[in-house]
Amino acid sequence: MKDITLSIPDKDYTFFIKLIKSLDFVQVKEPKKLTASAAKQQFLEEFKEAVEEVNLARQGKIKLKSAEQLLSEL
């Protein structure tokens, strides 16, 4: 048996899980809950990435989304 890790948008997660569980040859492992230290580590990594993106935007190397674009994605 092979394992696959997927990233699914939150809004599509429930639908995808129902779909994939309907396949008799698939075993679904529920995602692990993060411990406090793992959650802190994940936050720090994501924060570091965000700061790097802001620095690249200030240098003109990338263009960030506007607040309007971010809200329209929600």
PDB file of N, CA and C in Angstrom:
ATOM      1  N   MET A   1       0.847  -1.174   0.000  1.00  0.00           N
ATOM      2  CA  MET A   1       0.000   0.000   0.000  1.00  0.00           C
ATOM      3  C   MET A   1       0.887   1.229   0.000  1.00  0.00           C
ATOM      4  N   LYS A   2       0.466   2.272  -0.707  1.00  0.00           N
ATOM      5  CA  LYS A   2       1.192   3.539  -0.805  1.00  0.00           C
ATOM      6  C   LYS A   2       0.449   4.615  -0.023  1.00  0.00           C
ATOM      7  N   ASP A   3       1.183   5.570   0.514  1.00  0.00           N
ATOM      8  CA  ASP A   3       0.598   6.705   1.232  1.00  0.00           C
ATOM      9  C   ASP A   3       0.718   7.947   0.364  1.00  0.00           C
ATOM     10  N   ILE A   4      -0.311   8.794   0.426  1.00  0.00           N
ATOM     11  CA  ILE A   4      -0.324  10.065  -0.296  1.00  0.00           C
ATOM     12  C   ILE A   4      -0.746  11.151   0.676  1.00  0.00           C
ATOM     13  N   THR A   5      -0.050  12.260   0.628  1.00  0.00           N
ATOM     14  CA  THR A   5      -0.424  13.421   1.439  1.00  0.00           C
ATOM     15  C   THR A   5      -0.962  14.482   0.500  1.00  0.00           C
ATOM     16  N   LEU A   6      -2.140  15.002   0.799  1.00  0.00           N
ATOM     17  CA  LEU A   6      -2.782  16.012  -0.037  1.00  0.00           C
ATOM     18  C   LEU A   6      -3.076  17.257   0.774  1.00  0.00           C
ATOM     19  N   SER A   7      -3.068  18.379   0.107  1.00  0.00           N
ATOM     20  CA  SER A   7      -3.497  19.640   0.721  1.00  0.00           C
ATOM     21  C   SER A   7      -4.793  20.044   0.042  1.00  0.00           C
ATOM     22  N   ILE A   8      -5.868  20.113   0.815  1.00  0.00           N
ATOM     23  CA  ILE A   8      -7.195  20.415   0.292  1.00  0.00           C
ATOM     24  C   ILE A   8      -7.663  21.728   0.926  1.00  0.00           C
ATOM     25  N   PRO A   9      -8.210  22.648   0.125  1.00  0.00           N
ATOM     26  CA  PRO A   9      -8.758  23.875   0.720  1.00  0.00           C
ATOM     27  C   PRO A   9      -9.824  23.540   1.761  1.00  0.00           C
ATOM     28  N   ASP A  10      -9.869  24.314   2.825  1.00  0.00           N
ATOM     29  CA  ASP A  10     -10.811  24.063   3.916  1.00  0.00           C
ATOM     30  C   ASP A  10     -12.245  23.936   3.414  1.00  0.00           C
ATOM     31  N   LYS A  11     -12.610  24.805   2.474  1.00  0.00           N
ATOM     32  CA  LYS A  11     -13.997  24.805   1.995  1.00  0.00           C
ATOM     33  C   LYS A  11     -14.351  23.519   1.253  1.00  0.00           C
ATOM     34  N   ASP A  12     -13.368  22.801   0.717  1.00  0.00           N
ATOM     35  CA  ASP A  12     -13.620  21.579  -0.043  1.00  0.00           C
ATOM     36  C   ASP A  12     -13.320  20.300   0.740  1.00  0.00           C
ATOM     37  N   TYR A  13     -12.822  20.449   1.952  1.00  0.00           N
ATOM     38  CA  TYR A  13     -12.364  19.296   2.727  1.00  0.00           C
ATOM     39  C   TYR A  13     -13.473  18.273   2.982  1.00  0.00           C
ATOM     40  N   THR A  14     -14.611  18.714   3.464  1.00  0.00           N
ATOM     41  CA  THR A  14     -15.701  17.789   3.803  1.00  0.00           C
ATOM     42  C   THR A  14     -16.149  17.004   2.575  1.00  0.00           C
ATOM     43  N   PHE A  15     -16.341  17.714   1.463  1.00  0.00           N
ATOM     44  CA  PHE A  15     -16.741  17.044   0.231  1.00  0.00           C
ATOM     45  C   PHE A  15     -15.694  16.022  -0.193  1.00  0.00           C
ATOM     46  N   PHE A  16     -14.417  16.416  -0.160  1.00  0.00           N
ATOM     47  CA  PHE A  16     -13.361  15.523  -0.605  1.00  0.00           C
ATOM     48  C   PHE A  16     -13.284  14.277   0.266  1.00  0.00           C
ATOM     49  N   ILE A  17     -13.399  14.437   1.579  1.00  0.00           N
ATOM     50  CA  ILE A  17     -13.334  13.283   2.484  1.00  0.00           C
ATOM     51  C   ILE A  17     -14.487  12.322   2.199  1.00  0.00           C
ATOM     52  N   LYS A  18     -15.701  12.842   1.992  1.00  0.00           N
ATOM     53  CA  LYS A  18     -16.838  11.978   1.661  1.00  0.00           C
ATOM     54  C   LYS A  18     -16.576  11.234   0.361  1.00  0.00           C
ATOM     55  N   LEU A  19     -16.041  11.939  -0.605  1.00  0.00           N
ATOM     56  CA  LEU A  19     -15.760  11.331  -1.906  1.00  0.00           C
ATOM     57  C   LEU A  19     -14.722  10.228  -1.788  1.00  0.00           C
ATOM     58  N   ILE A  20     -13.627  10.506  -1.138  1.00  0.00           N
ATOM     59  CA  ILE A  20     -12.534   9.545  -1.053  1.00  0.00           C
ATOM     60  C   ILE A  20     -12.900   8.343  -0.183  1.00  0.00           C
ATOM     61  N   LYS A  21     -13.722   8.575   0.856  1.00  0.00           N
ATOM     62  CA  LYS A  21     -14.158   7.452   1.692  1.00  0.00           C
ATOM     63  C   LYS A  21     -15.113   6.529   0.960  1.00  0.00           C
ATOM     64  N   SER A  22     -15.729   7.016  -0.097  1.00  0.00           N
ATOM     65  CA  SER A  22     -16.655   6.168  -0.866  1.00  0.00           C
ATOM     66  C   SER A  22     -15.915   5.121  -1.703  1.00  0.00           C
ATOM     67  N   LEU A  23     -14.628   5.274  -1.843  1.00  0.00           N
ATOM     68  CA  LEU A  23     -13.821   4.307  -2.590  1.00  0.00           C
ATOM     69  C   LEU A  23     -13.414   3.172  -1.653  1.00  0.00           C
ATOM     70  N   ASP A  24     -13.773   1.951  -2.014  1.00  0.00           N
ATOM     71  CA  ASP A  24     -13.535   0.820  -1.109  1.00  0.00           C
ATOM     72  C   ASP A  24     -12.059   0.462  -0.949  1.00  0.00           C
ATOM     73  N   PHE A  25     -11.201   0.905  -1.849  1.00  0.00           N
ATOM     74  CA  PHE A  25      -9.783   0.558  -1.773  1.00  0.00           C
ATOM     75  C   PHE A  25      -8.935   1.625  -1.074  1.00  0.00           C
ATOM     76  N   VAL A  26      -9.591   2.668  -0.537  1.00  0.00           N
ATOM     77  CA  VAL A  26      -8.875   3.762   0.108  1.00  0.00           C
ATOM     78  C   VAL A  26      -9.095   3.713   1.617  1.00  0.00           C
ATOM     79  N   GLN A  27      -8.010   3.872   2.369  1.00  0.00           N
ATOM     80  CA  GLN A  27      -8.095   3.991   3.822  1.00  0.00           C
ATOM     81  C   GLN A  27      -7.719   5.426   4.174  1.00  0.00           C
ATOM     82  N   VAL A  28      -8.576   6.109   4.890  1.00  0.00           N
ATOM     83  CA  VAL A  28      -8.342   7.511   5.234  1.00  0.00           C
ATOM     84  C   VAL A  28      -7.836   7.594   6.675  1.00  0.00           C
ATOM     85  N   LYS A  29      -6.686   8.230   6.841  1.00  0.00           N
ATOM     86  CA  LYS A  29      -6.158   8.497   8.177  1.00  0.00           C
ATOM     87  C   LYS A  29      -6.495   9.944   8.488  1.00  0.00           C
ATOM     88  N   GLU A  30      -7.172  10.160   9.584  1.00  0.00           N
ATOM     89  CA  GLU A  30      -7.537  11.525   9.973  1.00  0.00           C
ATOM     90  C   GLU A  30      -6.265  12.302  10.306  1.00  0.00           C
ATOM     91  N   PRO A  31      -6.258  13.595   9.993  1.00  0.00           N
ATOM     92  CA  PRO A  31      -5.059  14.395  10.278  1.00  0.00           C
ATOM     93  C   PRO A  31      -4.761  14.441  11.769  1.00  0.00           C
ATOM     94  N   LYS A  32      -3.482  14.453  12.081  1.00  0.00           N
ATOM     95  CA  LYS A  32      -3.055  14.521  13.473  1.00  0.00           C
ATOM     96  C   LYS A  32      -3.232  15.936  13.994  1.00  0.00           C
ATOM     97  N   LYS A  33      -3.638  16.042  15.238  1.00  0.00           N
ATOM     98  CA  LYS A  33      -3.741  17.348  15.874  1.00  0.00           C
ATOM     99  C   LYS A  33      -2.342  17.773  16.308  1.00  0.00           C
ATOM    100  N   LEU A  34      -2.054  19.047  16.146  1.00  0.00           N
ATOM    101  CA  LEU A  34      -0.746  19.566  16.505  1.00  0.00           C
ATOM    102  C   LEU A  34      -0.624  19.736  18.013  1.00  0.00           C
ATOM    103  N   THR A  35       0.537  19.397  18.525  1.00  0.00           N
ATOM    104  CA  THR A  35       0.830  19.688  19.920  1.00  0.00           C
ATOM    105  C   THR A  35       1.115  21.182  20.027  1.00  0.00           C
ATOM    106  N   ALA A  36       1.163  21.684  21.227  1.00  0.00           N
ATOM    107  CA  ALA A  36       1.410  23.118  21.419  1.00  0.00           C
ATOM    108  C   ALA A  36       2.755  23.515  20.825  1.00  0.00           C
ATOM    109  N   SER A  37       3.777  22.705  21.033  1.00  0.00           N
ATOM    110  CA  SER A  37       5.101  23.051  20.502  1.00  0.00           C
ATOM    111  C   SER A  37       5.133  22.942  18.979  1.00  0.00           C
ATOM    112  N   ALA A  38       4.432  21.970  18.411  1.00  0.00           N
ATOM    113  CA  ALA A  38       4.370  21.839  16.954  1.00  0.00           C
ATOM    114  C   ALA A  38       3.585  22.992  16.350  1.00  0.00           C
ATOM    115  N   ALA A  39       2.523  23.409  17.013  1.00  0.00           N
ATOM    116  CA  ALA A  39       1.727  24.539  16.536  1.00  0.00           C
ATOM    117  C   ALA A  39       2.561  25.816  16.575  1.00  0.00           C
ATOM    118  N   LYS A  40       3.329  25.987  17.624  1.00  0.00           N
ATOM    119  CA  LYS A  40       4.194  27.159  17.743  1.00  0.00           C
ATOM    120  C   LYS A  40       5.241  27.145  16.636  1.00  0.00           C
ATOM    121  N   GLN A  41       5.835  25.998  16.381  1.00  0.00           N
ATOM    122  CA  GLN A  41       6.846  25.867  15.333  1.00  0.00           C
ATOM    123  C   GLN A  41       6.239  26.178  13.962  1.00  0.00           C
ATOM    124  N   GLN A  42       5.040  25.663  13.706  1.00  0.00           N
ATOM    125  CA  GLN A  42       4.363  25.923  12.438  1.00  0.00           C
ATOM    126  C   GLN A  42       4.072  27.421  12.294  1.00  0.00           C
ATOM    127  N   PHE A  43       3.595  28.052  13.360  1.00  0.00           N
ATOM    128  CA  PHE A  43       3.320  29.489  13.328  1.00  0.00           C
ATOM    129  C   PHE A  43       4.591  30.271  13.004  1.00  0.00           C
ATOM    130  N   LEU A  44       5.696  29.933  13.662  1.00  0.00           N
ATOM    131  CA  LEU A  44       6.949  30.643  13.437  1.00  0.00           C
ATOM    132  C   LEU A  44       7.431  30.486  11.996  1.00  0.00           C
ATOM    133  N   GLU A  45       7.291  29.289  11.429  1.00  0.00           N
ATOM    134  CA  GLU A  45       7.695  29.055  10.044  1.00  0.00           C
ATOM    135  C   GLU A  45       6.831  29.865   9.083  1.00  0.00           C
ATOM    136  N   GLU A  46       5.512  29.868   9.320  1.00  0.00           N
ATOM    137  CA  GLU A  46       4.611  30.620   8.451  1.00  0.00           C
ATOM    138  C   GLU A  46       4.839  32.121   8.592  1.00  0.00           C
ATOM    139  N   PHE A  47       5.133  32.593   9.795  1.00  0.00           N
ATOM    140  CA  PHE A  47       5.414  34.002  10.023  1.00  0.00           C
ATOM    141  C   PHE A  47       6.695  34.410   9.302  1.00  0.00           C
ATOM    142  N   LYS A  48       7.711  33.554   9.373  1.00  0.00           N
ATOM    143  CA  LYS A  48       8.982  33.823   8.690  1.00  0.00           C
ATOM    144  C   LYS A  48       8.752  33.931   7.184  1.00  0.00           C
ATOM    145  N   GLU A  49       7.941  33.039   6.616  1.00  0.00           N
ATOM    146  CA  GLU A  49       7.618  33.095   5.193  1.00  0.00           C
ATOM    147  C   GLU A  49       6.903  34.396   4.845  1.00  0.00           C
ATOM    148  N   ALA A  50       5.982  34.823   5.709  1.00  0.00           N
ATOM    149  CA  ALA A  50       5.242  36.060   5.466  1.00  0.00           C
ATOM    150  C   ALA A  50       6.182  37.264   5.474  1.00  0.00           C
ATOM    151  N   VAL A  51       7.110  37.299   6.413  1.00  0.00           N
ATOM    152  CA  VAL A  51       8.070  38.402   6.478  1.00  0.00           C
ATOM    153  C   VAL A  51       8.940  38.407   5.228  1.00  0.00           C
ATOM    154  N   GLU A  52       9.367  37.239   4.777  1.00  0.00           N
ATOM    155  CA  GLU A  52      10.170  37.150   3.556  1.00  0.00           C
ATOM    156  C   GLU A  52       9.386  37.682   2.353  1.00  0.00           C
ATOM    157  N   GLU A  53       8.079  37.353   2.270  1.00  0.00           N
ATOM    158  CA  GLU A  53       7.253  37.847   1.176  1.00  0.00           C
ATOM    159  C   GLU A  53       7.138  39.370   1.220  1.00  0.00           C
ATOM    160  N   VAL A  54       6.958  39.920   2.402  1.00  0.00           N
ATOM    161  CA  VAL A  54       6.862  41.381   2.537  1.00  0.00           C
ATOM    162  C   VAL A  54       8.174  42.025   2.089  1.00  0.00           C
ATOM    163  N   ASN A  55       9.293  41.456   2.492  1.00  0.00           N
ATOM    164  CA  ASN A  55      10.592  42.002   2.089  1.00  0.00           C
ATOM    165  C   ASN A  55      10.767  41.941   0.574  1.00  0.00           C
ATOM    166  N   LEU A  56      10.365  40.837  -0.052  1.00  0.00           N
ATOM    167  CA  LEU A  56      10.450  40.721  -1.511  1.00  0.00           C
ATOM    168  C   LEU A  56       9.542  41.742  -2.191  1.00  0.00           C
ATOM    169  N   ALA A  57       8.369  41.977  -1.614  1.00  0.00           N
ATOM    170  CA  ALA A  57       7.441  42.962  -2.179  1.00  0.00           C
ATOM    171  C   ALA A  57       8.029  44.367  -2.069  1.00  0.00           C
ATOM    172  N   ARG A  58       8.648  44.672  -0.960  1.00  0.00           N
ATOM    173  CA  ARG A  58       9.265  45.993  -0.779  1.00  0.00           C
ATOM    174  C   ARG A  58      10.406  46.209  -1.774  1.00  0.00           C
ATOM    175  N   GLN A  59      11.082  45.115  -2.129  1.00  0.00           N
ATOM    176  CA  GLN A  59      12.172  45.198  -3.102  1.00  0.00           C
ATOM    177  C   GLN A  59      11.641  45.211  -4.537  1.00  0.00           C
ATOM    178  N   GLY A  60      10.338  45.021  -4.685  1.00  0.00           N
ATOM    179  CA  GLY A  60       9.729  45.023  -6.012  1.00  0.00           C
ATOM    180  C   GLY A  60       9.889  43.711  -6.767  1.00  0.00           C
ATOM    181  N   LYS A  61      10.279  42.653  -6.072  1.00  0.00           N
ATOM    182  CA  LYS A  61      10.498  41.358  -6.727  1.00  0.00           C
ATOM    183  C   LYS A  61       9.216  40.555  -6.885  1.00  0.00           C
ATOM    184  N   ILE A  62       8.228  40.802  -6.031  1.00  0.00           N
ATOM    185  CA  ILE A  62       6.921  40.161  -6.153  1.00  0.00           C
ATOM    186  C   ILE A  62       5.845  41.198  -5.893  1.00  0.00           C
ATOM    187  N   LYS A  63       4.633  40.903  -6.349  1.00  0.00           N
ATOM    188  CA  LYS A  63       3.514  41.792  -6.098  1.00  0.00           C
ATOM    189  C   LYS A  63       2.538  41.063  -5.170  1.00  0.00           C
ATOM    190  N   LEU A  64       2.201  41.711  -4.072  1.00  0.00           N
ATOM    191  CA  LEU A  64       1.278  41.124  -3.110  1.00  0.00           C
ATOM    192  C   LEU A  64      -0.165  41.374  -3.549  1.00  0.00           C
ATOM    193  N   LYS A  65      -1.078  40.552  -3.066  1.00  0.00           N
ATOM    194  CA  LYS A  65      -2.499  40.725  -3.353  1.00  0.00           C
ATOM    195  C   LYS A  65      -3.029  41.921  -2.566  1.00  0.00           C
ATOM    196  N   SER A  66      -4.014  42.580  -3.142  1.00  0.00           N
ATOM    197  CA  SER A  66      -4.659  43.679  -2.429  1.00  0.00           C
ATOM    198  C   SER A  66      -5.621  43.106  -1.392  1.00  0.00           C
ATOM    199  N   ALA A  67      -6.051  43.947  -0.465  1.00  0.00           N
ATOM    200  CA  ALA A  67      -7.017  43.515   0.548  1.00  0.00           C
ATOM    201  C   ALA A  67      -8.309  43.070  -0.135  1.00  0.00           C
ATOM    202  N   GLU A  68      -8.684  43.759  -1.207  1.00  0.00           N
ATOM    203  CA  GLU A  68      -9.900  43.396  -1.936  1.00  0.00           C
ATOM    204  C   GLU A  68      -9.784  41.990  -2.540  1.00  0.00           C
ATOM    205  N   GLN A  69      -8.613  41.654  -3.099  1.00  0.00           N
ATOM    206  CA  GLN A  69      -8.406  40.314  -3.656  1.00  0.00           C
ATOM    207  C   GLN A  69      -8.472  39.252  -2.556  1.00  0.00           C
ATOM    208  N   LEU A  70      -7.885  39.547  -1.400  1.00  0.00           N
ATOM    209  CA  LEU A  70      -7.917  38.591  -0.295  1.00  0.00           C
ATOM    210  C   LEU A  70      -9.347  38.343   0.171  1.00  0.00           C
ATOM    211  N   LEU A  71     -10.129  39.413   0.308  1.00  0.00           N
ATOM    212  CA  LEU A  71     -11.511  39.273   0.762  1.00  0.00           C
ATOM    213  C   LEU A  71     -12.364  38.531  -0.254  1.00  0.00           C
ATOM    214  N   SER A  72     -12.096  38.722  -1.535  1.00  0.00           N
ATOM    215  CA  SER A  72     -12.898  38.035  -2.547  1.00  0.00           C
ATOM    216  C   SER A  72     -12.635  36.529  -2.548  1.00  0.00           C
ATOM    217  N   GLU A  73     -11.460  36.103  -2.066  1.00  0.00           N
ATOM    218  CA  GLU A  73     -11.161  34.680  -1.969  1.00  0.00           C
ATOM    219  C   GLU A  73     -11.942  33.995  -0.854  1.00  0.00           C
ATOM    220  N   LEU A  74     -12.348  34.764   0.127  1.00  0.00           N
ATOM    221  CA  LEU A  74     -13.106  34.208   1.251  1.00  0.00           C
ATOM    222  C   LEU A  74     -14.510  33.983   0.801  1.00  0.00           C
TER     223      LEU A  74
END
